[in-house]
Protein backbone atom coordinates (compact mmCIF):
# COMPACT_ATOMS: atom_id res chain seq x y z
CA UNK A 1 81.39 111.32 53.87
CA UNK A 2 83.02 112.11 57.21
CA UNK A 3 84.39 115.15 59.04
CA UNK A 4 87.56 115.02 56.90
CA UNK A 5 85.72 115.53 53.63
CA UNK A 6 84.14 113.48 50.87
CA UNK A 7 87.42 111.94 49.66
CA UNK A 8 88.81 110.77 52.99
CA UNK A 9 88.25 107.21 54.12
CA UNK A 10 89.45 106.63 57.67
CA UNK A 11 89.65 102.90 56.96
CA UNK A 12 92.56 103.46 54.58
CA UNK A 13 95.90 103.22 56.33
CA UNK A 14 99.04 104.52 54.67
CA UNK A 15 101.64 102.47 56.47
CA UNK A 16 103.79 101.43 53.53
CA UNK A 17 107.42 102.26 54.14
CA UNK A 18 107.67 103.35 50.49
CA UNK A 19 104.74 105.73 50.94
CA UNK A 20 106.22 107.17 54.14
CA UNK A 21 109.62 107.56 52.49
CA UNK A 22 107.90 109.58 49.79
CA UNK A 23 107.20 112.33 52.29
CA UNK A 24 110.93 112.91 52.73
CA UNK A 25 111.29 113.31 48.96
CA UNK A 26 109.70 116.76 49.13
CA UNK A 27 112.43 117.92 51.50
CA UNK A 28 115.07 117.23 48.87
CA UNK A 29 113.03 118.70 46.04
CA UNK A 30 112.29 121.90 47.95
CA UNK A 31 115.84 122.38 49.22
CA UNK A 32 117.78 120.58 46.53
CA UNK A 33 120.51 118.08 47.17
CA UNK A 34 123.26 120.41 48.27
CA UNK A 35 125.83 118.09 49.75
CA UNK A 36 128.25 115.77 48.06
CA UNK A 37 127.38 113.13 50.67
CA UNK A 38 123.65 113.28 49.87
CA UNK A 39 124.30 113.02 46.14
CA UNK A 40 126.70 110.11 46.66
CA UNK A 41 124.15 108.37 48.86
CA UNK A 42 121.45 108.80 46.23
CA UNK A 43 123.71 107.55 43.44
CA UNK A 44 124.75 104.55 45.53
CA UNK A 45 121.07 103.63 45.90
CA UNK A 46 120.67 104.06 42.13
CA UNK A 47 123.62 101.79 41.27
CA UNK A 48 121.45 98.87 40.09
CA UNK A 49 118.83 98.34 37.39
CA UNK A 50 116.24 101.09 37.84
CA UNK A 51 113.38 98.61 38.12
CA UNK A 52 114.90 97.22 41.32
CA UNK A 53 115.48 100.61 42.97
CA UNK A 54 113.16 101.54 45.88
CA UNK A 55 110.10 103.54 44.84
CA UNK A 56 111.03 106.59 46.94
CA UNK A 57 114.47 106.74 45.28
CA UNK A 58 112.96 106.42 41.81
CA UNK A 59 110.48 109.20 42.61
CA UNK A 60 113.24 111.43 43.96
CA UNK A 61 115.37 110.82 40.87
CA UNK A 62 112.52 111.73 38.54
CA UNK A 63 111.62 114.82 40.59
CA UNK A 64 115.24 116.03 40.63
CA UNK A 65 115.38 115.56 36.85
CA UNK A 66 112.23 117.69 36.56
CA UNK A 67 113.92 120.31 38.76
CA UNK A 68 116.91 120.61 36.43
CA UNK A 69 119.41 118.08 37.75
CA UNK A 70 121.28 116.32 34.96
CA UNK A 71 120.86 112.57 34.61
CA UNK A 72 123.30 110.06 33.16
CA UNK A 73 122.52 106.46 32.31
CA UNK A 74 124.31 103.27 31.37
CA UNK A 75 123.14 99.87 30.27
CA UNK A 76 123.37 97.38 33.14
CA UNK A 77 126.31 95.51 31.59
CA UNK A 78 128.32 98.61 30.67
CA UNK A 79 130.72 100.80 32.61
CA UNK A 80 130.26 103.81 30.32
CA UNK A 81 127.95 106.60 31.50
CA UNK A 82 126.07 108.65 28.90
CA UNK A 83 124.48 112.07 29.38
CA UNK A 84 120.80 112.10 28.50
CA UNK A 85 118.46 115.08 28.27
CA UNK A 86 115.20 113.12 28.47
CA UNK A 87 115.73 109.90 30.44
CA UNK A 88 113.22 107.10 29.86
CA UNK A 89 114.01 105.52 33.23
CA UNK A 90 114.00 102.03 31.74
CA UNK A 91 113.78 99.21 34.27
CA UNK A 92 116.94 97.55 32.91
CA UNK A 93 119.21 100.63 32.82
CA UNK A 94 121.20 102.29 35.60
CA UNK A 95 120.98 106.03 36.28
CA UNK A 96 122.83 108.61 38.33
CA UNK A 97 122.16 112.22 39.23
CA UNK A 98 124.74 114.94 38.62
CA UNK A 99 124.94 118.19 40.58
CA UNK A 100 122.53 120.88 39.42
CA UNK A 101 124.24 123.67 37.51
CA UNK A 102 124.54 126.81 39.63
CA UNK A 103 123.55 125.10 42.89
CA UNK A 104 126.30 125.27 45.51
CA UNK A 105 127.51 121.89 46.74
CA UNK A 106 128.96 121.36 50.21
CA UNK A 107 131.35 118.66 51.36
CA UNK A 108 129.00 117.48 54.08
CA UNK A 109 125.32 117.78 54.75
CA UNK A 110 124.29 119.66 57.88
CA UNK A 111 123.01 117.06 60.38
CA UNK A 112 121.46 114.83 57.76
CA UNK A 113 120.61 111.17 57.98
CA UNK A 114 120.44 110.40 54.27
CA UNK A 115 119.55 106.78 53.90
CA UNK A 116 118.05 106.03 50.57
């Protein structure tokens, strides 16, 4: 045990870029994705089989689904999107996030550097 408590080990270093990117996920969950540009950026990052999408993007997608954003999916070799109420987030399928019902969307994000 140290001055930070019984569960803190100062030898553990959280330097993974995926871990650090996860901190920014809470900003989107708390405030919602309110700009068309942010949603387009997220969906561009999702435009590949889900298993190959960066961890922070997968986490954000799941969290937004939990927060009421609608999710659509398509098999990797299909161009047809299908609405789904309970996505399985299969590694071989593609997903996209739709605007949340009742949440205002803006054409641009205020001073945002969305880079998923």
